[in-house]
Amino acid sequence: MTRIFKINDSVTLHYEHEEKFKTVDIGIYLYRRMDNAQNVSKTALLPLVLRQGCQKYPTARKISMELEDLYGASLSVSVTKRGEIQLIRLGIKAILDQYCMSGQELSKKALPLLFEMLFRPLVSENAFSEEIVNTEKTGLIDEIESIINDKKEYAMVRCFEALCEGEAYALSENGTIDEVKKINARDLFSFYQEFIKTAPIDIYITGDVDIEAAKEVMQVYLPSGNRLGYPNVSLSVPKKEIRYVEDKMDINQGKLCLGFKTNISTTDKLYFPLIVANEVFGGGPASKLFNNVREKLSLCYYVFSRLESLKGLMIVSCGVEFDKFEVAQAEIMRQFEDVKNLNFTDDDFSNSILSIENSLRSMRDSQRQMQDFNVSNILFQTGDIDHYLKNILAVTKEDVAEAFSHISLDTVYKLSKKTERA
């Protein structure tokens, strides 16, 4: 059971008291609506710079030494996107106080380390360190460029770009190479100052800690003030005609992605039926796509479907031989029509429900997954794990078919082989 505390008018604490863990996991989440490539790139770079030093621990080595003093606590930063919302997470994981031989109160030391990094960064003359910024820019550019090495992921990214052309969701959460190159230390600090004043902040603590002591620590660091609310996200609007996009590369296996618009929001009555429908269709090893398109017909090396619920999107991704693009697409669409027309078995349905149920229950075994699920609950308004599971178990086969009746194919993307010139 998650207990929620308003630390002040701009910060919310979520405490998941779990005695089965021997660690405490603390995550600080900040949200920003994706607007343009320039600001998205700055948001992506920011946590990478913050982790390299702060006023109290001015070097990465000093931070590393502090983590060692915390019995080898682990520090992490990440940037993700949910719909058109970019999320920064700063996290730390440390063993609980009762497992420390010296009797140290690690939970009281771990939390301030995160706050020092976030609210008291290393700054000189209204600018971050130029050396640190340039180093982290290089790393971020390398990460953006590396996506092309994973052709499966690259194909999905390209499909989403075409699917949401003209929308902020088409941007990568890591920004663009051109915009990252333009960032300098002074501009990034100016961006940070505005971001840290306005971004909504959620703090998640998962484990068995003295939460009242943790709240006292927060009062020392956390600023109050008028922050923005959680960013709104709108559904992606279907195109009038199906769009076809093809890239050619020197590859040995083709990639086919089909992008759909669901027209179903997370607050729609068909949201939970859509979750089940996606599982029946292509969500796992019990799905129709896996059992029919891959196993029985051997048309694909892999095939699956995935939802981006906040934007009302579903994508099918598969690896195919170059001469099987059309037949694979036709069979995928046949399986789609089967789900829409209730042409799936009771076993297909029950196995899909069971798969979702097992995934939800297994989240309780991971502190980070529980935090991420609760963040999704804030943005999706879908309830906690128990509420979510209750709604999943209430879905019928007819609900599944109705959900898929709202979905339309929007974009077809192919990554094919570059033909050699004669």
Protein backbone atom coordinates (compact mmCIF):
# COMPACT_ATOMS: atom_id res chain seq x y z
CA MET A 1 0.00 0.00 0.00
CA THR A 2 1.48 3.32 -1.08
CA ARG A 3 1.27 6.16 1.43
CA ILE A 4 1.29 9.63 -0.12
CA PHE A 5 2.54 12.80 1.61
CA LYS A 6 2.55 16.38 0.37
CA ILE A 7 5.97 17.64 1.43
CA ASN A 8 5.07 21.13 0.30
CA ASP A 9 2.95 22.73 -2.40
CA SER A 10 5.24 21.47 -5.14
CA VAL A 11 6.63 18.09 -4.06
CA THR A 12 4.89 14.77 -3.37
CA LEU A 13 6.38 11.79 -1.51
CA HIS A 14 5.21 8.25 -2.23
CA TYR A 15 6.23 5.66 0.36
CA GLU A 16 5.85 1.95 -0.37
CA HIS A 17 6.53 0.16 2.92
CA GLU A 18 7.90 -3.29 2.05
CA GLU A 19 9.73 -5.34 4.67
CA LYS A 20 10.73 -8.17 2.30
CA PHE A 21 13.50 -6.08 0.70
CA LYS A 22 16.93 -5.66 2.27
CA THR A 23 17.45 -2.41 0.39
CA VAL A 24 15.84 0.99 0.15
CA ASP A 25 15.27 2.31 -3.37
CA ILE A 26 14.80 6.06 -3.74
CA GLY A 27 13.75 7.63 -7.01
CA ILE A 28 13.22 11.33 -7.74
CA TYR A 29 11.11 11.91 -10.86
CA LEU A 30 10.77 15.23 -12.67
CA TYR A 31 8.48 15.78 -15.65
CA ARG A 32 8.58 18.05 -18.67
CA ARG A 33 6.35 18.21 -21.72
CA MET A 34 8.29 17.58 -24.93
CA ASP A 35 7.99 20.68 -27.09
CA ASN A 36 10.92 21.03 -29.48
CA ALA A 37 14.20 19.28 -30.29
CA GLN A 38 16.28 21.97 -28.60
CA ASN A 39 14.65 21.66 -25.16
CA VAL A 40 14.28 17.89 -25.39
CA SER A 41 18.04 17.64 -26.05
CA LYS A 42 18.83 19.86 -23.04
CA THR A 43 16.55 17.80 -20.81
CA ALA A 44 18.31 14.62 -21.93
CA LEU A 45 21.76 16.06 -21.24
CA LEU A 46 20.94 17.60 -17.88
CA PRO A 47 20.97 14.52 -15.58
CA LEU A 48 24.17 13.28 -17.22
CA VAL A 49 25.87 16.52 -16.17
CA LEU A 50 24.32 16.59 -12.69
CA ARG A 51 25.65 13.12 -11.84
CA GLN A 52 29.26 14.22 -12.41
CA GLY A 53 29.52 16.54 -9.44
CA CYS A 54 27.83 18.96 -7.03
CA GLN A 55 28.93 21.56 -4.51
CA LYS A 56 29.47 19.05 -1.70
CA TYR A 57 30.95 16.33 -3.93
CA PRO A 58 32.61 18.28 -6.78
CA THR A 59 33.94 15.32 -8.77
CA ALA A 60 32.67 11.96 -9.93
CA ARG A 61 35.37 10.40 -7.75
CA LYS A 62 34.06 12.18 -4.64
CA ILE A 63 30.57 10.90 -5.40
CA SER A 64 31.96 7.39 -5.92
CA MET A 65 33.74 7.54 -2.55
CA GLU A 66 30.51 8.61 -0.85
CA LEU A 67 28.69 5.66 -2.44
CA GLU A 68 31.41 3.34 -1.16
CA ASP A 69 30.88 4.72 2.35
CA LEU A 70 27.21 3.82 1.90
CA TYR A 71 28.19 0.14 1.67
CA GLY A 72 28.42 0.22 -2.10
CA ALA A 73 25.16 2.03 -2.80
CA SER A 74 24.32 2.38 -6.48
CA LEU A 75 23.47 5.67 -8.17
CA SER A 76 21.54 5.92 -11.44
CA VAL A 77 20.12 8.59 -13.72
CA SER A 78 17.84 8.09 -16.69
CA VAL A 79 15.68 9.92 -19.19
CA THR A 80 12.58 8.28 -20.66
CA LYS A 81 9.36 9.38 -22.30
CA ARG A 82 5.75 8.46 -21.68
CA GLY A 83 3.68 9.83 -24.48
CA GLU A 84 4.92 13.39 -24.97
CA ILE A 85 6.20 13.64 -21.40
CA GLN A 86 9.95 13.50 -20.82
CA LEU A 87 10.92 12.08 -17.43
CA ILE A 88 14.18 12.57 -15.57
CA ARG A 89 14.90 10.08 -12.80
CA LEU A 90 17.69 10.31 -10.26
CA GLY A 91 17.87 7.21 -8.10
CA ILE A 92 19.90 5.57 -5.38
CA LYS A 93 19.73 2.09 -3.90
CA ALA A 94 21.33 1.21 -0.56
CA ILE A 95 21.09 -1.54 2.01
CA LEU A 96 18.78 -0.91 4.96
CA ASP A 97 20.14 0.48 8.22
CA GLN A 98 19.49 -2.74 10.15
CA TYR A 99 21.91 -4.66 7.90
CA CYS A 100 24.82 -2.28 8.51
CA MET A 101 27.36 -3.76 10.93
CA SER A 102 28.47 -0.32 12.11
CA GLY A 103 24.92 0.84 12.82
CA GLN A 104 25.07 3.62 10.25
CA GLU A 105 21.79 5.22 9.21
CA LEU A 106 22.33 4.92 5.48
CA SER A 107 18.79 5.94 4.56
CA LYS A 108 19.47 9.35 6.10
CA LYS A 109 22.70 9.73 4.10
CA ALA A 110 21.50 8.35 0.77
CA LEU A 111 18.64 10.81 0.37
CA PRO A 112 20.78 13.95 0.90
CA LEU A 113 23.24 12.75 -1.76
CA LEU A 114 20.48 12.82 -4.38
CA PHE A 115 19.27 16.21 -3.22
CA GLU A 116 22.79 17.67 -3.27
CA MET A 117 23.19 16.57 -6.88
CA LEU A 118 19.77 17.84 -7.96
CA PHE A 119 19.46 21.13 -6.07
CA ARG A 120 23.08 22.16 -5.41
CA PRO A 121 24.92 21.43 -8.66
CA LEU A 122 28.51 22.31 -9.47
CA VAL A 123 28.36 25.79 -10.98
CA SER A 124 30.84 28.57 -11.65
CA GLU A 125 29.90 32.03 -12.94
CA ASN A 126 26.36 30.96 -13.83
CA ALA A 127 27.50 28.01 -15.89
CA PHE A 128 28.09 24.31 -15.53
CA SER A 129 31.60 22.99 -16.07
CA GLU A 130 32.36 23.30 -19.79
CA GLU A 131 34.58 20.21 -19.60
CA ILE A 132 31.84 18.08 -18.04
CA VAL A 133 29.20 19.35 -20.46
CA ASN A 134 31.37 18.60 -23.48
CA THR A 135 32.23 15.12 -22.21
CA GLU A 136 28.58 14.26 -21.58
CA LYS A 137 27.56 15.73 -24.94
CA THR A 138 29.93 13.29 -26.63
CA GLY A 139 28.46 10.38 -24.68
CA LEU A 140 24.89 11.40 -25.48
CA ILE A 141 25.67 11.79 -29.19
CA ASP A 142 27.26 8.33 -29.17
CA GLU A 143 24.09 6.93 -27.61
CA ILE A 144 21.87 8.59 -30.21
CA GLU A 145 24.07 7.30 -33.02
CA SER A 146 24.19 3.78 -31.60
CA ILE A 147 20.48 3.17 -32.26
CA ILE A 148 21.31 2.34 -35.86
CA ASN A 149 23.33 -0.67 -34.69
CA ASP A 150 20.17 -2.33 -33.36
CA LYS A 151 18.14 -2.68 -36.54
CA LYS A 152 15.04 -3.97 -34.73
CA GLU A 153 14.94 -0.94 -32.45
CA TYR A 154 15.92 1.40 -35.29
CA ALA A 155 13.01 0.19 -37.42
CA MET A 156 10.56 0.79 -34.56
CA VAL A 157 11.94 4.29 -33.97
CA ARG A 158 11.58 5.12 -37.67
CA CYS A 159 8.03 3.75 -37.70
CA PHE A 160 7.06 5.86 -34.68
CA GLU A 161 8.61 8.92 -36.38
CA ALA A 162 6.45 8.36 -39.45
CA LEU A 163 3.43 7.42 -37.36
CA CYS A 164 3.62 10.67 -35.38
CA GLU A 165 5.13 13.04 -37.92
CA GLY A 166 4.59 16.62 -36.82
CA GLU A 167 3.99 15.59 -33.20
CA ALA A 168 6.44 15.92 -30.32
CA TYR A 169 6.28 12.17 -29.71
CA ALA A 170 8.23 11.67 -32.93
CA LEU A 171 11.27 13.09 -31.10
CA SER A 172 13.63 10.74 -29.26
CA GLU A 173 13.83 11.21 -25.50
CA ASN A 174 17.59 11.70 -26.09
CA GLY A 175 17.06 14.63 -28.43
CA THR A 176 18.88 15.11 -31.73
CA ILE A 177 22.56 15.17 -32.58
CA ASP A 178 22.39 18.64 -34.14
CA GLU A 179 20.74 20.17 -31.08
CA VAL A 180 23.02 18.40 -28.59
CA LYS A 181 26.04 19.81 -30.42
CA LYS A 182 24.70 23.36 -29.98
CA ILE A 183 24.38 23.16 -26.18
CA ASN A 184 26.92 25.08 -24.10
CA ALA A 185 27.52 25.13 -20.35
CA ARG A 186 25.92 28.53 -19.74
CA ASP A 187 22.76 27.85 -21.74
CA LEU A 188 22.32 24.47 -20.05
CA PHE A 189 22.55 26.02 -16.59
CA SER A 190 20.01 28.67 -17.56
CA PHE A 191 17.72 25.89 -18.76
CA TYR A 192 18.28 23.99 -15.49
CA GLN A 193 17.30 27.03 -13.40
CA GLU A 194 13.92 27.29 -15.11
CA PHE A 195 13.38 23.53 -15.17
CA ILE A 196 14.10 22.99 -11.46
CA LYS A 197 11.69 25.79 -10.51
CA THR A 198 8.74 24.56 -12.57
CA ALA A 199 8.92 20.78 -13.03
CA PRO A 200 6.54 18.66 -10.94
CA ILE A 201 8.51 16.45 -8.52
CA ASP A 202 7.57 13.02 -7.22
CA ILE A 203 9.81 11.20 -4.75
CA TYR A 204 9.41 7.44 -4.35
CA ILE A 205 10.86 5.52 -1.42
CA THR A 206 10.41 1.75 -1.50
CA GLY A 207 11.56 -0.40 1.41
CA ASP A 208 11.44 -0.39 5.22
CA VAL A 209 12.65 2.99 6.47
CA ASP A 210 11.86 5.65 9.05
CA ILE A 211 9.70 7.74 6.77
CA GLU A 212 9.28 10.56 9.29
CA ALA A 213 13.07 10.98 9.43
CA ALA A 214 13.17 11.00 5.63
CA LYS A 215 10.53 13.72 5.52
CA GLU A 216 12.62 15.85 7.88
CA VAL A 217 15.60 15.54 5.52
CA MET A 218 13.41 16.63 2.61
CA GLN A 219 12.32 19.80 4.38
CA VAL A 220 15.95 20.95 4.43
CA TYR A 221 16.44 20.66 0.69
CA LEU A 222 13.15 20.81 -1.13
CA PRO A 223 11.98 24.17 -2.42
CA SER A 224 8.38 25.25 -2.41
CA GLY A 225 6.79 27.39 -5.08
CA ASN A 226 4.33 27.36 -7.91
CA ARG A 227 5.19 24.47 -10.19
CA LEU A 228 3.49 23.34 -13.34
CA GLY A 229 1.01 20.49 -13.22
CA TYR A 230 1.67 17.16 -14.89
CA PRO A 231 1.88 17.71 -18.64
CA ASN A 232 -1.16 16.78 -20.70
CA VAL A 233 -0.90 14.29 -23.55
CA SER A 234 -3.30 14.05 -26.49
CA LEU A 235 -4.04 11.01 -28.62
CA SER A 236 -2.35 10.80 -31.99
CA VAL A 237 -4.88 11.55 -34.74
CA PRO A 238 -5.22 8.95 -37.55
CA LYS A 239 -4.21 9.92 -41.08
CA LYS A 240 -6.73 9.87 -43.92
CA GLU A 241 -4.64 7.36 -45.86
CA ILE A 242 -2.13 4.69 -44.89
CA ARG A 243 1.43 5.98 -45.18
CA TYR A 244 4.18 3.75 -46.60
CA VAL A 245 7.83 4.42 -45.68
CA GLU A 246 10.89 2.44 -46.71
CA ASP A 247 14.57 2.70 -45.84
CA LYS A 248 17.32 0.69 -47.52
CA MET A 249 20.50 -0.51 -45.83
CA ASP A 250 23.21 -3.11 -46.24
CA ILE A 251 21.47 -5.71 -44.03
CA ASN A 252 20.85 -9.44 -44.05
CA GLN A 253 17.32 -9.45 -42.63
CA GLY A 254 14.36 -7.23 -43.40
CA LYS A 255 12.37 -5.38 -40.74
CA LEU A 256 8.66 -4.70 -41.04
CA CYS A 257 6.73 -2.44 -38.67
CA LEU A 258 3.01 -1.74 -38.80
CA GLY A 259 1.84 1.33 -36.91
CA PHE A 260 -1.78 1.55 -35.70
CA LYS A 261 -3.82 4.33 -34.09
CA THR A 262 -6.01 2.92 -31.29
CA ASN A 263 -8.29 5.95 -30.71
CA ILE A 264 -8.54 4.75 -27.08
CA SER A 265 -7.27 6.87 -24.17
CA THR A 266 -6.14 5.56 -20.79
CA THR A 267 -9.36 6.84 -19.21
CA ASP A 268 -11.58 5.21 -21.84
CA LYS A 269 -13.74 2.25 -20.77
CA LEU A 270 -12.01 0.22 -23.49
CA TYR A 271 -8.51 0.83 -22.12
CA PHE A 272 -8.27 -2.40 -20.11
CA PRO A 273 -9.87 -4.45 -22.92
CA LEU A 274 -7.22 -2.92 -25.23
CA ILE A 275 -4.45 -4.17 -22.91
CA VAL A 276 -5.87 -7.69 -23.08
CA ALA A 277 -6.50 -7.44 -26.84
CA ASN A 278 -2.87 -6.51 -27.45
CA GLU A 279 -1.76 -9.51 -25.39
CA VAL A 280 -4.04 -11.86 -27.36
CA PHE A 281 -2.81 -10.35 -30.63
CA GLY A 282 0.94 -10.12 -30.16
CA GLY A 283 1.93 -9.40 -26.57
CA GLY A 284 3.79 -12.61 -25.76
CA PRO A 285 4.52 -16.28 -26.52
CA ALA A 286 0.83 -17.20 -26.15
CA SER A 287 -0.26 -14.63 -28.74
CA LYS A 288 -1.74 -15.20 -32.19
CA LEU A 289 1.13 -13.45 -33.93
CA PHE A 290 3.75 -15.61 -32.24
CA ASN A 291 1.91 -18.92 -32.64
CA ASN A 292 0.65 -18.39 -36.16
CA VAL A 293 2.85 -15.94 -38.03
CA ARG A 294 6.13 -17.13 -36.51
CA GLU A 295 5.65 -20.73 -35.33
CA LYS A 296 3.11 -22.27 -37.75
CA LEU A 297 3.88 -20.31 -40.92
CA SER A 298 7.53 -19.42 -40.24
CA LEU A 299 7.08 -16.01 -41.86
CA CYS A 300 9.09 -14.09 -39.25
CA TYR A 301 12.20 -14.53 -37.15
CA TYR A 302 10.42 -12.62 -34.40
CA VAL A 303 7.10 -10.81 -34.15
CA PHE A 304 5.31 -8.90 -31.38
CA SER A 305 2.93 -6.00 -30.80
CA ARG A 306 3.44 -3.16 -28.33
CA LEU A 307 1.22 -0.38 -27.03
CA GLU A 308 2.07 3.24 -26.35
CA SER A 309 -1.07 3.87 -24.35
CA LEU A 310 -0.65 7.57 -23.60
CA LYS A 311 -0.53 8.40 -27.31
CA GLY A 312 -3.08 5.80 -28.46
CA LEU A 313 -0.57 3.83 -30.55
CA MET A 314 0.11 0.17 -31.25
CA ILE A 315 3.04 -1.10 -33.26
CA VAL A 316 3.76 -4.55 -34.68
CA SER A 317 7.44 -5.33 -35.23
CA CYS A 318 8.87 -8.35 -37.04
CA GLY A 319 12.02 -9.59 -38.77
CA VAL A 320 11.40 -11.11 -42.20
CA GLU A 321 13.12 -12.33 -45.34
CA PHE A 322 13.16 -9.65 -48.05
CA ASP A 323 10.81 -11.60 -50.32
CA LYS A 324 8.22 -12.12 -47.55
CA PHE A 325 7.30 -8.52 -46.69
CA GLU A 326 3.89 -8.63 -48.38
CA VAL A 327 2.85 -12.10 -47.26
CA ALA A 328 3.94 -11.38 -43.67
CA GLN A 329 1.97 -8.12 -43.62
CA ALA A 330 -1.10 -9.86 -45.03
CA GLU A 331 -0.94 -12.58 -42.36
CA ILE A 332 -0.44 -10.06 -39.56
CA MET A 333 -3.52 -8.18 -40.72
CA ARG A 334 -5.45 -11.46 -40.95
CA GLN A 335 -4.63 -12.16 -37.31
CA PHE A 336 -5.67 -8.60 -36.47
CA GLU A 337 -9.05 -9.17 -38.14
CA ASP A 338 -9.41 -12.46 -36.28
CA VAL A 339 -9.10 -10.69 -32.93
CA LYS A 340 -11.52 -7.99 -34.05
CA ASN A 341 -14.03 -10.64 -35.15
CA LEU A 342 -13.78 -12.78 -31.98
CA ASN A 343 -11.95 -15.49 -33.89
CA PHE A 344 -9.70 -16.60 -31.04
CA THR A 345 -10.05 -19.43 -28.55
CA ASP A 346 -10.89 -19.43 -24.89
CA ASP A 347 -7.33 -20.63 -24.28
CA ASP A 348 -5.95 -17.65 -26.24
CA PHE A 349 -7.99 -15.37 -24.01
CA SER A 350 -7.34 -17.05 -20.64
CA ASN A 351 -3.60 -17.42 -21.31
CA SER A 352 -3.37 -13.74 -22.15
CA ILE A 353 -5.18 -12.75 -18.96
CA LEU A 354 -2.87 -15.03 -16.96
CA SER A 355 0.23 -13.53 -18.59
CA ILE A 356 -0.85 -9.98 -17.66
CA GLU A 357 -1.77 -11.11 -14.15
CA ASN A 358 1.64 -12.72 -13.63
CA SER A 359 3.41 -9.62 -14.89
CA LEU A 360 1.46 -7.39 -12.51
CA ARG A 361 2.08 -9.63 -9.52
CA SER A 362 5.79 -9.94 -10.30
CA MET A 363 6.14 -6.15 -10.11
CA ARG A 364 5.88 -6.44 -6.34
CA ASP A 365 9.23 -8.25 -6.38
CA SER A 366 11.04 -5.26 -7.91
CA GLN A 367 11.34 -1.92 -6.13
CA ARG A 368 12.10 -0.08 -9.37
CA GLN A 369 9.19 -1.67 -11.24
CA MET A 370 6.80 -0.66 -8.46
CA GLN A 371 8.02 2.92 -8.71
CA ASP A 372 7.70 3.01 -12.49
CA PHE A 373 4.20 1.52 -12.29
CA ASN A 374 3.14 4.19 -9.79
CA VAL A 375 4.52 6.90 -12.07
CA SER A 376 2.44 5.45 -14.90
CA ASN A 377 -0.58 5.47 -12.60
CA ILE A 378 -0.11 9.21 -12.03
CA LEU A 379 0.08 9.91 -15.75
CA PHE A 380 -2.38 7.26 -16.98
CA GLN A 381 -4.92 7.53 -14.12
CA THR A 382 -5.35 3.74 -14.22
CA GLY A 383 -5.14 2.94 -10.49
CA ASP A 384 -2.70 0.94 -8.38
CA ILE A 385 -1.71 -2.66 -9.11
CA ASP A 386 -4.72 -4.15 -7.34
CA HIS A 387 -7.15 -1.84 -9.12
CA TYR A 388 -5.44 -2.48 -12.45
CA LEU A 389 -5.61 -6.24 -11.97
CA LYS A 390 -9.27 -6.09 -10.94
CA ASN A 391 -10.11 -4.31 -14.19
CA ILE A 392 -8.06 -6.76 -16.28
CA LEU A 393 -9.85 -9.74 -14.73
CA ALA A 394 -13.22 -8.14 -15.55
CA VAL A 395 -12.50 -7.98 -19.31
CA THR A 396 -14.53 -10.29 -21.57
CA LYS A 397 -13.79 -11.70 -25.02
CA GLU A 398 -16.45 -9.39 -26.44
CA ASP A 399 -14.68 -6.41 -24.84
CA VAL A 400 -11.46 -7.46 -26.58
CA ALA A 401 -13.14 -7.56 -29.98
CA GLU A 402 -14.78 -4.18 -29.39
CA ALA A 403 -11.45 -2.59 -28.47
CA PHE A 404 -9.85 -3.76 -31.71
CA SER A 405 -12.82 -2.48 -33.72
CA HIS A 406 -11.63 1.06 -32.91
CA ILE A 407 -8.08 0.51 -34.20
CA SER A 408 -6.89 1.40 -37.70
CA LEU A 409 -3.68 0.76 -39.61
CA ASP A 410 -1.91 4.07 -40.11
CA THR A 411 1.72 3.50 -41.19
CA VAL A 412 3.71 0.70 -42.84
CA TYR A 413 7.48 0.85 -42.47
CA LYS A 414 10.01 -1.41 -44.20
CA LEU A 415 13.75 -1.64 -43.68
CA SER A 416 14.99 -3.50 -46.74
CA LYS A 417 18.25 -4.42 -48.43
CA LYS A 418 20.16 -1.87 -50.43
CA THR A 419 20.43 -3.13 -54.00
CA GLU A 420 23.85 -3.11 -55.62
CA ARG A 421 24.37 -1.14 -58.78
CA ALA A 422 25.09 -3.12 -61.92
